[in-house]
């Protein structure tokens, strides 16, 4: 056989292997998409409600922090606004946006895996990311900011590796800008920009200024926008002053407890995590894995820092680790393919996905959207928010403000009404920090000024998270204010088995059987007007 013929045979073999790898990735993407679409109508949870409400305001021309406050960067709300603008202002639109983010992230993981390994590295990694980021164990079915952080981190890293090969200044700048966008989705994303800077420094000190300029660009653009909108001072307080207090407010025992809780949810992911561990060890015996060991080890280490801040270890924080973990899965699967065979490697990946889906089969494959919400989020009032929002929309005009005493911003989104106060979460008011009392007094002043025709009171622990040392100024005021200015119009009781709703006269004498309920109040008419 001539050298030319041998080269052609090798190229044909490579093309066949790539087609098989892409077919495998495509099949995984179809499964992920089918499951996500099956549960697309699950009621929004409160983080989704927050981003959706901010997105709604953005689409109305209202900048962040003008009428609603958050300690989160505005990038995810902007992404939500894009989804709402494309697909309509519904929960389904948000889930369609999440599906697009998930599938695009799988493709980017494939591209990154192929660059640091081979086609099977990329395909296994892309498939692993799709399933890991779907897992109920990390609340991956909801459109949390960490999905968007991961998307821009992956896109930025793909661009970065290309830029370091081409040594083009503009490409380095672009890679920095995309990694900078990861930070604008959620502050935790800064770790990926930092990792990128160190990787650039390792390869080309001359390229570091261009990269850093790109990384700083998204934040600078946001700062200028908010300055021009007149809300920069409030943005700075919530995102840096208050956020720093939030990140350092909990003791070590709390952090360890939260970590234990999060890790206790991970058994469905055991197959993929075992493959990732194999990928971490593969460089000891595998020369191809050795080539990417430093990159993946560094990326994993920095990804851990995206999960740790504040010691809260919320399940969805772990999604920021999944790009690194998925790439390690790809390295592990590729090593298995070279030593045992491609079929064995594919079988291990399929078995890992089957384990995840099998252990989470009820929420992913069986439960209705409402049953899913109750099973996964327990007594959080997410299904009930839809009924309450319907009442709010039917009994207020678009110009009127609505007050929600609780952390349920999804009600504003569903009702398409604006909040009477910028404090759409109560957690900042009940946490123990120097600004809590001032925040509560601000809420009181804003609600009194708005004279909302409808008020919703969430009698749910998850909506307040009271601490023994919490300030009670606003809560004490609210009890007298509601009694004096409002009548009870409805009671929605949250039960393990469903929801009990009582409206009108019956609601005024109804005694809830549990501690978890929402009470809807309507402003009393002036004395001269009949009810």
Protein backbone atom coordinates (compact mmCIF):
# COMPACT_ATOMS: atom_id res chain seq x y z
CA UNK A 1 0.00 0.00 0.00
CA UNK A 2 1.42 3.40 -1.01
CA UNK A 3 1.83 6.23 1.49
CA UNK A 4 -0.91 8.16 -0.30
CA UNK A 5 -3.32 5.25 -0.09
CA UNK A 6 -2.52 4.79 3.61
CA UNK A 7 -3.18 8.48 4.25
CA UNK A 8 -6.50 8.29 2.43
CA UNK A 9 -7.48 5.23 4.47
CA UNK A 10 -6.57 7.03 7.69
CA UNK A 11 -8.60 10.05 6.65
CA UNK A 12 -11.60 7.88 5.80
CA UNK A 13 -11.31 6.18 9.18
CA UNK A 14 -11.18 9.57 10.91
CA UNK A 15 -14.29 10.72 9.04
CA UNK A 16 -16.18 7.57 10.03
CA UNK A 17 -15.13 7.99 13.64
CA UNK A 18 -16.23 11.62 13.63
CA UNK A 19 -19.59 10.73 12.13
CA UNK A 20 -20.13 8.09 14.81
CA UNK A 21 -19.14 10.52 17.53
CA UNK A 22 -21.49 13.19 16.20
CA UNK A 23 -24.28 10.63 15.88
CA UNK A 24 -23.78 9.62 19.52
CA UNK A 25 -23.81 13.26 20.61
CA UNK A 26 -26.93 13.88 18.53
CA UNK A 27 -28.76 10.96 20.13
CA UNK A 28 -27.85 12.23 23.60
CA UNK A 29 -29.08 15.70 22.64
CA UNK A 30 -32.41 14.25 21.45
CA UNK A 31 -32.93 12.45 24.77
CA UNK A 32 -32.07 15.58 26.76
CA UNK A 33 -34.35 17.72 24.58
CA UNK A 34 -37.25 15.25 24.87
CA UNK A 35 -37.03 15.20 28.67
CA UNK A 36 -36.71 18.98 28.93
CA UNK A 37 -39.74 19.48 26.71
CA UNK A 38 -41.78 16.98 28.74
CA UNK A 39 -41.30 19.06 31.89
CA UNK A 40 -41.27 22.47 30.22
CA UNK A 41 -44.57 23.47 31.87
CA UNK A 42 -43.39 22.94 35.46
CA UNK A 43 -44.28 26.13 37.42
CA UNK A 44 -41.47 28.62 37.72
CA UNK A 45 -39.49 28.52 40.94
CA UNK A 46 -38.54 31.77 42.65
CA UNK A 47 -35.10 32.27 41.05
CA UNK A 48 -36.68 31.86 37.64
CA UNK A 49 -39.45 34.21 38.74
CA UNK A 50 -36.90 36.82 39.74
CA UNK A 51 -35.07 36.71 36.41
CA UNK A 52 -38.37 36.61 34.51
CA UNK A 53 -39.69 39.67 36.33
CA UNK A 54 -36.47 41.60 35.70
CA UNK A 55 -36.66 40.53 32.05
CA UNK A 56 -40.24 41.75 31.85
CA UNK A 57 -39.15 45.12 33.19
CA UNK A 58 -36.26 45.25 30.72
CA UNK A 59 -38.66 44.65 27.84
CA UNK A 60 -40.71 47.59 29.16
CA UNK A 61 -37.62 49.81 29.17
CA UNK A 62 -37.07 49.71 32.95
CA UNK A 63 -33.39 49.18 33.89
CA UNK A 64 -32.38 46.82 36.72
CA UNK A 65 -32.38 48.33 40.22
CA UNK A 66 -34.78 51.09 39.17
CA UNK A 67 -37.89 49.29 40.45
CA UNK A 68 -36.58 45.94 41.72
CA UNK A 69 -33.44 45.04 43.63
CA UNK A 70 -31.14 42.04 43.39
CA UNK A 71 -27.58 41.12 44.30
CA UNK A 72 -27.20 39.25 41.01
CA UNK A 73 -25.60 40.62 37.87
CA UNK A 74 -28.08 41.50 35.09
CA UNK A 75 -26.80 39.17 32.37
CA UNK A 76 -29.16 36.29 33.08
CA UNK A 77 -32.15 38.64 33.16
CA UNK A 78 -31.05 39.94 29.74
CA UNK A 79 -30.88 36.35 28.46
CA UNK A 80 -34.40 35.76 29.81
CA UNK A 81 -35.55 38.93 28.06
CA UNK A 82 -34.23 37.52 24.79
CA UNK A 83 -36.17 34.28 25.32
CA UNK A 84 -39.35 36.16 26.27
CA UNK A 85 -38.97 38.44 23.27
CA UNK A 86 -38.61 35.45 20.93
CA UNK A 87 -41.15 33.02 22.38
CA UNK A 88 -43.60 35.15 24.37
CA UNK A 89 -43.89 36.02 28.06
CA UNK A 90 -44.62 32.56 29.41
CA UNK A 91 -42.89 29.94 31.52
CA UNK A 92 -42.62 27.79 28.39
CA UNK A 93 -40.58 30.52 26.69
CA UNK A 94 -38.07 30.42 29.54
CA UNK A 95 -37.75 26.64 29.29
CA UNK A 96 -37.30 26.87 25.51
CA UNK A 97 -34.49 29.33 26.14
CA UNK A 98 -32.97 26.91 28.65
CA UNK A 99 -33.22 24.08 26.11
CA UNK A 100 -31.33 26.18 23.57
CA UNK A 101 -28.65 26.99 26.15
CA UNK A 102 -28.36 23.32 27.10
CA UNK A 103 -27.99 22.08 23.53
CA UNK A 104 -25.53 24.81 22.59
CA UNK A 105 -23.48 24.03 25.70
CA UNK A 106 -23.35 20.36 24.69
CA UNK A 107 -21.96 21.37 21.30
CA UNK A 108 -19.37 23.64 22.91
CA UNK A 109 -18.29 20.89 25.32
CA UNK A 110 -17.90 18.60 22.29
CA UNK A 111 -15.78 21.22 20.52
CA UNK A 112 -13.61 21.76 23.59
CA UNK A 113 -13.27 18.03 24.25
CA UNK A 114 -12.29 17.34 20.66
CA UNK A 115 -9.68 20.08 20.81
CA UNK A 116 -8.01 18.72 23.96
CA UNK A 117 -8.51 15.05 23.06
CA UNK A 118 -10.28 13.35 20.16
CA UNK A 119 -13.77 12.91 18.73
CA UNK A 120 -14.79 10.39 21.40
CA UNK A 121 -13.53 12.71 24.12
CA UNK A 122 -15.77 15.43 22.76
CA UNK A 123 -18.83 13.24 22.20
CA UNK A 124 -18.69 11.62 25.64
CA UNK A 125 -18.07 14.99 27.30
CA UNK A 126 -20.91 16.69 25.42
CA UNK A 127 -23.34 13.91 26.28
CA UNK A 128 -22.24 13.92 29.92
CA UNK A 129 -22.77 17.67 30.17
CA UNK A 130 -26.28 17.37 28.76
CA UNK A 131 -27.33 14.81 31.36
CA UNK A 132 -25.43 16.30 34.30
CA UNK A 133 -26.96 19.73 33.70
CA UNK A 134 -30.42 18.16 33.42
CA UNK A 135 -30.25 16.34 36.76
CA UNK A 136 -32.87 17.09 39.39
CA UNK A 137 -30.08 16.51 41.93
CA UNK A 138 -28.68 19.93 40.98
CA UNK A 139 -32.07 21.46 40.09
CA UNK A 140 -30.89 21.46 36.48
CA UNK A 141 -34.43 21.46 35.13
CA UNK A 142 -34.80 25.12 36.17
CA UNK A 143 -33.21 27.98 34.23
CA UNK A 144 -30.71 28.98 36.90
CA UNK A 145 -27.96 31.50 36.18
CA UNK A 146 -25.30 28.80 36.39
CA UNK A 147 -26.52 27.35 33.06
CA UNK A 148 -25.72 30.70 31.44
CA UNK A 149 -22.40 31.00 33.29
CA UNK A 150 -21.40 27.60 31.92
CA UNK A 151 -22.47 28.53 28.38
CA UNK A 152 -20.27 31.62 28.20
CA UNK A 153 -17.41 29.94 30.05
CA UNK A 154 -17.41 27.16 27.45
CA UNK A 155 -17.66 29.54 24.50
CA UNK A 156 -14.88 31.69 25.92
CA UNK A 157 -12.57 28.72 26.50
CA UNK A 158 -13.10 27.42 22.96
CA UNK A 159 -12.21 30.87 21.62
CA UNK A 160 -9.26 31.15 24.00
CA UNK A 161 -7.61 27.92 22.84
CA UNK A 162 -8.06 28.98 19.23
CA UNK A 163 -6.65 32.42 19.99
CA UNK A 164 -3.56 30.99 21.67
CA UNK A 165 -2.91 28.90 18.56
CA UNK A 166 -3.39 31.79 16.13
CA UNK A 167 -1.74 34.36 18.46
CA UNK A 168 -4.08 36.99 17.08
CA UNK A 169 -4.66 39.89 19.44
CA UNK A 170 -8.26 40.41 18.34
CA UNK A 171 -9.13 36.77 19.03
CA UNK A 172 -7.58 36.99 22.50
CA UNK A 173 -9.64 40.11 23.14
CA UNK A 174 -12.80 38.33 21.95
CA UNK A 175 -12.14 35.30 24.16
CA UNK A 176 -11.70 37.60 27.15
CA UNK A 177 -14.94 39.40 26.33
CA UNK A 178 -16.92 36.15 26.16
CA UNK A 179 -15.43 34.90 29.44
CA UNK A 180 -16.27 38.31 30.90
CA UNK A 181 -19.89 37.68 29.93
CA UNK A 182 -19.86 34.62 32.20
CA UNK A 183 -19.32 37.02 35.11
CA UNK A 184 -22.28 39.16 34.05
CA UNK A 185 -24.54 36.10 34.28
CA UNK A 186 -23.60 35.58 37.93
CA UNK A 187 -20.64 36.81 39.97
CA UNK A 188 -19.36 33.25 40.37
CA UNK A 189 -18.45 33.34 36.67
CA UNK A 190 -15.43 35.52 37.43
CA UNK A 191 -13.43 32.36 38.21
CA UNK A 192 -13.49 31.37 34.53
CA UNK A 193 -12.16 34.75 33.43
CA UNK A 194 -9.42 34.39 36.08
CA UNK A 195 -8.54 30.90 34.84
CA UNK A 196 -8.37 32.22 31.30
CA UNK A 197 -5.99 34.98 32.38
CA UNK A 198 -3.63 32.47 33.98
CA UNK A 199 -3.77 30.24 30.92
CA UNK A 200 -2.93 33.19 28.67
CA UNK A 201 -0.09 34.16 31.01
CA UNK A 202 1.33 30.65 30.76
CA UNK A 203 1.41 30.80 26.97
CA UNK A 204 1.86 34.43 25.98
CA UNK A 205 2.49 37.34 28.32
CA UNK A 206 2.22 39.70 25.40
CA UNK A 207 -1.39 38.65 24.86
CA UNK A 208 -2.47 39.27 28.44
CA UNK A 209 -3.38 42.99 28.08
CA UNK A 210 -5.68 42.27 25.13
CA UNK A 211 -7.32 39.39 26.97
CA UNK A 212 -7.83 41.41 30.16
CA UNK A 213 -9.24 44.35 28.21
CA UNK A 214 -11.78 42.02 26.64
CA UNK A 215 -12.65 40.43 29.99
CA UNK A 216 -13.29 43.85 31.54
CA UNK A 217 -15.44 45.08 28.66
CA UNK A 218 -18.82 43.49 29.62
CA UNK A 219 -18.69 44.80 33.18
CA UNK A 220 -17.58 48.24 31.99
CA UNK A 221 -20.45 48.36 29.51
CA UNK A 222 -22.97 47.41 32.21
CA UNK A 223 -21.55 49.97 34.62
CA UNK A 224 -21.82 52.74 32.01
CA UNK A 225 -25.38 51.71 31.15
CA UNK A 226 -26.48 51.73 34.79
CA UNK A 227 -24.66 55.00 35.44
CA UNK A 228 -26.54 56.59 32.56
CA UNK A 229 -29.80 55.15 33.88
CA UNK A 230 -29.16 56.70 37.29
CA UNK A 231 -29.10 53.41 39.22
CA UNK A 232 -25.36 52.73 39.52
CA UNK A 233 -25.21 53.57 43.23
CA UNK A 234 -28.00 51.13 44.03
CA UNK A 235 -26.39 48.51 41.79
CA UNK A 236 -23.08 48.91 43.62
CA UNK A 237 -24.72 48.57 47.01
CA UNK A 238 -26.61 45.39 46.15
CA UNK A 239 -23.89 43.68 44.11
CA UNK A 240 -20.85 44.56 46.19
CA UNK A 241 -21.68 46.06 49.60
CA UNK A 242 -24.62 43.86 50.56
CA UNK A 243 -23.38 40.87 48.51
CA UNK A 244 -20.08 40.83 50.41
CA UNK A 245 -22.03 40.71 53.67
CA UNK A 246 -24.15 37.85 52.31
CA UNK A 247 -21.06 35.90 51.23
CA UNK A 248 -19.48 36.08 54.69
CA UNK A 249 -22.54 35.84 56.92
CA UNK A 250 -22.70 32.11 57.65
CA UNK A 251 -20.49 30.07 60.05
CA UNK A 252 -18.36 27.08 59.03
CA UNK A 253 -20.82 24.61 60.58
CA UNK A 254 -23.54 25.95 58.27
CA UNK A 255 -21.29 25.56 55.22
CA UNK A 256 -20.39 21.99 56.11
CA UNK A 257 -24.04 21.14 56.65
CA UNK A 258 -25.00 22.62 53.30
CA UNK A 259 -22.17 20.76 51.56
CA UNK A 260 -23.28 17.49 53.14
CA UNK A 261 -26.86 18.13 52.01
CA UNK A 262 -25.74 18.88 48.44
CA UNK A 263 -23.48 15.83 48.21
CA UNK A 264 -26.27 13.67 49.59
CA UNK A 265 -28.27 14.48 46.44
CA UNK A 266 -25.55 13.20 44.09
CA UNK A 267 -26.07 9.38 43.87
CA UNK A 268 -27.90 9.65 40.50
CA UNK A 269 -24.72 11.21 39.10
CA UNK A 270 -22.44 8.46 40.42
CA UNK A 271 -21.72 6.93 37.00
CA UNK A 272 -20.58 10.18 35.44
CA UNK A 273 -18.63 11.20 38.54
CA UNK A 274 -16.81 7.84 38.52
CA UNK A 275 -15.90 8.36 34.86
CA UNK A 276 -14.68 11.88 35.69
CA UNK A 277 -12.50 10.44 38.46
CA UNK A 278 -11.08 8.01 35.91
CA UNK A 279 -10.40 10.95 33.61
CA UNK A 280 -8.58 12.71 36.42
CA UNK A 281 -6.34 9.67 36.92
CA UNK A 282 -5.97 8.78 33.22
CA UNK A 283 -2.83 10.93 32.64
CA UNK A 284 -0.86 8.50 34.81
CA UNK A 285 -1.09 5.81 32.10
CA UNK A 286 -2.51 7.56 29.01
CA UNK A 287 -0.35 9.85 26.86
CA UNK A 288 -3.30 11.57 25.13
CA UNK A 289 -4.90 12.36 28.49
CA UNK A 290 -1.56 13.69 29.71
CA UNK A 291 -1.63 16.43 27.08
CA UNK A 292 -4.70 18.06 28.62
CA UNK A 293 -4.02 17.24 32.28
CA UNK A 294 -2.83 20.70 33.31
CA UNK A 295 -5.66 22.49 31.50
CA UNK A 296 -8.38 20.26 32.96
CA UNK A 297 -6.84 20.17 36.42
CA UNK A 298 -6.70 23.96 36.48
CA UNK A 299 -10.21 24.33 35.11
CA UNK A 300 -11.57 21.92 37.71
CA UNK A 301 -9.79 23.71 40.56
CA UNK A 302 -11.13 27.11 39.48
CA UNK A 303 -14.60 25.62 38.95
CA UNK A 304 -14.65 24.51 42.58
CA UNK A 305 -14.27 28.17 43.56
CA UNK A 306 -17.46 28.92 41.61
CA UNK A 307 -19.36 26.64 44.01
CA UNK A 308 -17.75 27.58 47.33
CA UNK A 309 -18.48 31.34 47.85
CA UNK A 310 -20.52 32.00 50.97
CA UNK A 311 -20.57 28.33 51.93
CA UNK A 312 -24.17 28.03 50.72
CA UNK A 313 -23.52 25.10 48.34
CA UNK A 314 -26.92 25.39 46.73
CA UNK A 315 -27.48 22.42 44.40
CA UNK A 316 -27.59 24.50 41.23
CA UNK A 317 -24.19 26.06 42.02
CA UNK A 318 -22.64 22.73 41.02
CA UNK A 319 -23.72 23.28 37.41
CA UNK A 320 -20.78 25.70 37.14
CA UNK A 321 -18.50 22.69 37.75
CA UNK A 322 -20.07 20.53 35.07
CA UNK A 323 -18.00 21.79 32.10
CA UNK A 324 -14.80 20.63 33.82
CA UNK A 325 -16.41 17.43 35.12
CA UNK A 326 -17.92 16.61 31.71
CA UNK A 327 -14.56 17.10 30.00
CA UNK A 328 -13.00 14.72 32.52
CA UNK A 329 -15.76 12.23 31.70
CA UNK A 330 -14.75 12.59 28.06
CA UNK A 331 -11.08 11.98 28.88
CA UNK A 332 -12.02 8.92 30.95
CA UNK A 333 -14.29 7.51 28.24
CA UNK A 334 -11.65 8.13 25.57
CA UNK A 335 -9.06 6.30 27.66
CA UNK A 336 -11.45 3.35 28.02
CA UNK A 337 -12.02 3.38 24.24
CA UNK A 338 -8.29 3.14 23.52
CA UNK A 339 -7.68 0.36 26.04
CA UNK A 340 -10.88 -1.71 25.81
CA UNK A 341 -12.69 -0.47 22.73
CA UNK A 342 -15.14 2.20 21.60
CA UNK A 343 -18.17 -0.01 22.27
CA UNK A 344 -17.14 -0.48 25.90
CA UNK A 345 -16.62 3.26 26.34
CA UNK A 346 -20.01 4.01 24.79
CA UNK A 347 -21.64 1.41 27.05
CA UNK A 348 -20.17 3.05 30.16
CA UNK A 349 -21.49 6.48 29.14
CA UNK A 350 -24.93 5.06 28.29
CA UNK A 351 -25.01 3.20 31.62
CA UNK A 352 -24.17 6.44 33.46
CA UNK A 353 -27.02 8.25 31.71
CA UNK A 354 -29.37 5.33 32.40
CA UNK A 355 -28.45 5.39 36.10
CA UNK A 356 -29.21 9.11 36.32
CA UNK A 357 -32.54 8.84 34.50
CA UNK A 358 -33.47 5.66 36.33
CA UNK A 359 -32.96 7.14 39.80
CA UNK A 360 -34.75 10.35 38.81
CA UNK A 361 -37.40 8.66 36.67
CA UNK A 362 -40.37 9.98 38.64
CA UNK A 363 -39.72 13.71 38.13
CA UNK A 364 -38.08 13.35 34.72
CA UNK A 365 -40.42 10.81 33.12
CA UNK A 366 -43.60 10.28 35.13
CA UNK A 367 -44.88 13.18 37.21
CA UNK A 368 -47.13 15.91 35.86
CA UNK A 369 -45.77 19.49 35.99
CA UNK A 370 -47.66 20.25 39.22
CA UNK A 371 -46.63 16.94 40.78
CA UNK A 372 -43.04 17.62 39.74
CA UNK A 373 -43.07 20.97 41.50
CA UNK A 374 -44.43 19.54 44.74
CA UNK A 375 -42.09 16.52 44.68
CA UNK A 376 -38.94 18.52 43.96
CA UNK A 377 -39.67 21.82 45.74
CA UNK A 378 -41.85 20.43 48.55
CA UNK A 379 -44.05 23.11 50.15
CA UNK A 380 -42.66 26.06 48.23
CA UNK A 381 -45.67 27.95 46.82
CA UNK A 382 -44.75 27.70 43.15
CA UNK A 383 -47.90 25.99 41.77
CA UNK A 384 -50.06 28.24 43.96
CA UNK A 385 -48.43 31.36 42.48
CA UNK A 386 -50.23 30.77 39.19
CA UNK A 387 -53.72 30.86 40.74
CA UNK A 388 -52.83 33.90 42.84
CA UNK A 389 -51.41 35.72 39.82
CA UNK A 390 -54.63 35.04 37.90
CA UNK A 391 -56.58 36.75 40.71
CA UNK A 392 -54.15 39.67 40.79
CA UNK A 393 -54.37 40.20 37.03
CA UNK A 394 -58.18 40.04 37.09
CA UNK A 395 -58.53 42.50 39.97
CA UNK A 396 -55.93 45.16 39.14
CA UNK A 397 -55.07 47.35 36.20
CA UNK A 398 -51.64 47.29 34.52
CA UNK A 399 -50.91 50.70 36.05
CA UNK A 400 -51.55 49.56 39.63
CA UNK A 401 -48.82 48.15 41.88
CA UNK A 402 -49.07 44.91 43.82
CA UNK A 403 -47.33 44.10 47.10
CA UNK A 404 -46.07 40.62 47.91
CA UNK A 405 -44.83 40.13 51.46
CA UNK A 406 -42.65 37.14 50.72
CA UNK A 407 -40.01 36.01 48.25
CA UNK A 408 -42.27 35.03 45.38
CA UNK A 409 -41.38 37.27 42.40
CA UNK A 410 -42.88 34.77 39.97
CA UNK A 411 -46.28 36.20 40.97
CA UNK A 412 -45.37 39.55 39.39
CA UNK A 413 -44.25 37.82 36.20
CA UNK A 414 -47.35 35.67 35.86
CA UNK A 415 -49.68 38.57 36.70
CA UNK A 416 -47.75 41.02 34.50
CA UNK A 417 -47.94 43.60 37.26
CA UNK A 418 -45.21 45.66 38.91
CA UNK A 419 -44.17 45.40 42.53
CA UNK A 420 -45.10 48.07 45.05
CA UNK A 421 -41.55 47.82 46.44
CA UNK A 422 -38.10 47.16 45.07
CA UNK A 423 -37.68 44.41 47.67
CA UNK A 424 -39.02 41.41 45.76
CA UNK A 425 -37.06 39.02 48.01
CA UNK A 426 -37.46 39.11 51.78
CA UNK A 427 -34.22 37.26 52.51
CA UNK A 428 -32.12 40.41 52.57
CA UNK A 429 -34.50 41.80 55.18
CA UNK A 430 -34.41 38.78 57.48
CA UNK A 431 -30.70 38.00 57.25
CA UNK A 432 -28.54 39.34 60.06
CA UNK A 433 -26.42 42.18 58.67
CA UNK A 434 -26.00 45.94 59.26
CA UNK A 435 -28.41 46.97 56.47
CA UNK A 436 -31.45 44.83 57.34
CA UNK A 437 -33.35 47.43 59.37
CA UNK A 438 -32.82 50.16 56.76
CA UNK A 439 -34.07 47.77 54.06
CA UNK A 440 -37.19 47.00 56.08
CA UNK A 441 -37.92 50.68 56.63
CA UNK A 442 -37.51 51.29 52.90
CA UNK A 443 -40.00 48.51 52.14
CA UNK A 444 -42.52 50.01 54.57
CA UNK A 445 -42.23 53.47 53.02
CA UNK A 446 -42.55 52.17 49.46
CA UNK A 447 -45.58 49.98 50.18
CA UNK A 448 -47.38 52.75 52.05
CA UNK A 449 -46.73 55.16 49.19
CA UNK A 450 -47.93 52.70 46.52
CA UNK A 451 -51.31 52.00 48.18
CA UNK A 452 -51.53 48.66 46.38
CA UNK A 453 -55.08 47.44 45.73
CA UNK A 454 -53.98 43.84 46.33
CA UNK A 455 -51.44 42.45 48.80
CA UNK A 456 -50.21 38.86 49.02
CA UNK A 457 -48.79 37.60 52.31
CA UNK A 458 -46.73 34.42 52.08
CA UNK A 459 -46.99 32.53 55.35
CA UNK A 460 -44.29 30.10 54.28
CA UNK A 461 -40.94 29.62 55.98
CA UNK A 462 -39.16 29.22 52.65
CA UNK A 463 -40.36 32.67 51.63
CA UNK A 464 -38.79 34.43 54.63
CA UNK A 465 -36.08 32.23 56.22
CA UNK A 466 -36.34 33.95 59.59
CA UNK A 467 -33.37 33.75 61.94
CA UNK A 468 -33.46 34.15 65.73
CA UNK A 469 -31.74 37.53 65.45
CA UNK A 470 -33.74 38.84 62.46
CA UNK A 471 -35.18 42.34 62.57
CA UNK A 472 -39.00 42.28 62.80
CA UNK A 473 -39.80 45.93 62.09
CA UNK A 474 -41.50 45.37 58.71
CA UNK A 475 -43.30 42.22 59.80
CA UNK A 476 -44.72 43.88 62.91
CA UNK A 477 -45.78 46.89 60.85
CA UNK A 478 -47.40 44.69 58.18
CA UNK A 479 -49.74 42.99 60.62
CA UNK A 480 -51.25 46.29 61.75
CA UNK A 481 -51.21 47.78 58.25
CA UNK A 482 -53.07 44.85 56.71
CA UNK A 483 -55.63 44.71 59.50
CA UNK A 484 -56.30 48.45 59.19
CA UNK A 485 -56.28 48.91 55.41
CA UNK A 486 -57.26 45.55 53.88
CA UNK A 487 -59.78 42.71 53.98
CA UNK A 488 -58.92 39.07 53.46
CA UNK A 489 -60.02 38.05 49.99
CA UNK A 490 -58.49 34.59 49.64
CA UNK A 491 -56.51 31.90 51.41
CA UNK A 492 -54.44 29.39 49.45
CA UNK A 493 -53.22 26.60 51.69
CA UNK A 494 -50.20 24.51 50.69
CA UNK A 495 -50.54 20.81 51.44
CA UNK A 496 -48.39 17.76 50.69
CA UNK A 497 -51.29 16.35 48.72
CA UNK A 498 -52.11 19.52 46.79
CA UNK A 499 -53.68 22.92 47.37
CA UNK A 500 -56.80 24.17 49.12
CA UNK A 501 -58.12 27.54 47.89
CA UNK A 502 -60.84 29.52 49.64
CA UNK A 503 -62.10 32.87 48.32
CA UNK A 504 -64.50 35.64 49.29
CA UNK A 505 -66.50 35.58 52.52
CA UNK A 506 -65.48 32.01 53.26
CA UNK A 507 -61.82 33.04 53.26
CA UNK A 508 -62.34 35.59 56.06
CA UNK A 509 -63.30 32.90 58.53
CA UNK A 510 -61.10 30.12 57.18
CA UNK A 511 -58.46 28.72 59.55
CA UNK A 512 -55.56 27.09 57.66
CA UNK A 513 -54.68 23.60 58.87
CA UNK A 514 -50.95 24.03 58.25
CA UNK A 515 -48.30 26.70 58.74
CA UNK A 516 -47.81 27.03 54.97
CA UNK A 517 -50.30 29.28 53.19
CA UNK A 518 -50.70 32.45 51.19
CA UNK A 519 -53.27 35.06 52.13
CA UNK A 520 -54.59 37.51 49.55
CA UNK A 521 -55.79 40.89 50.79
CA UNK A 522 -57.84 43.52 48.98
CA UNK A 523 -57.78 47.18 49.99
CA UNK A 524 -60.87 48.27 51.89
CA UNK A 525 -63.08 50.70 49.97
CA UNK A 526 -63.39 54.25 51.33
CA UNK A 527 -66.09 54.59 53.98
CA UNK A 528 -68.37 56.42 51.54
CA UNK A 529 -68.25 53.59 48.99
CA UNK A 530 -70.20 50.31 49.26
CA UNK A 531 -68.10 47.16 49.24
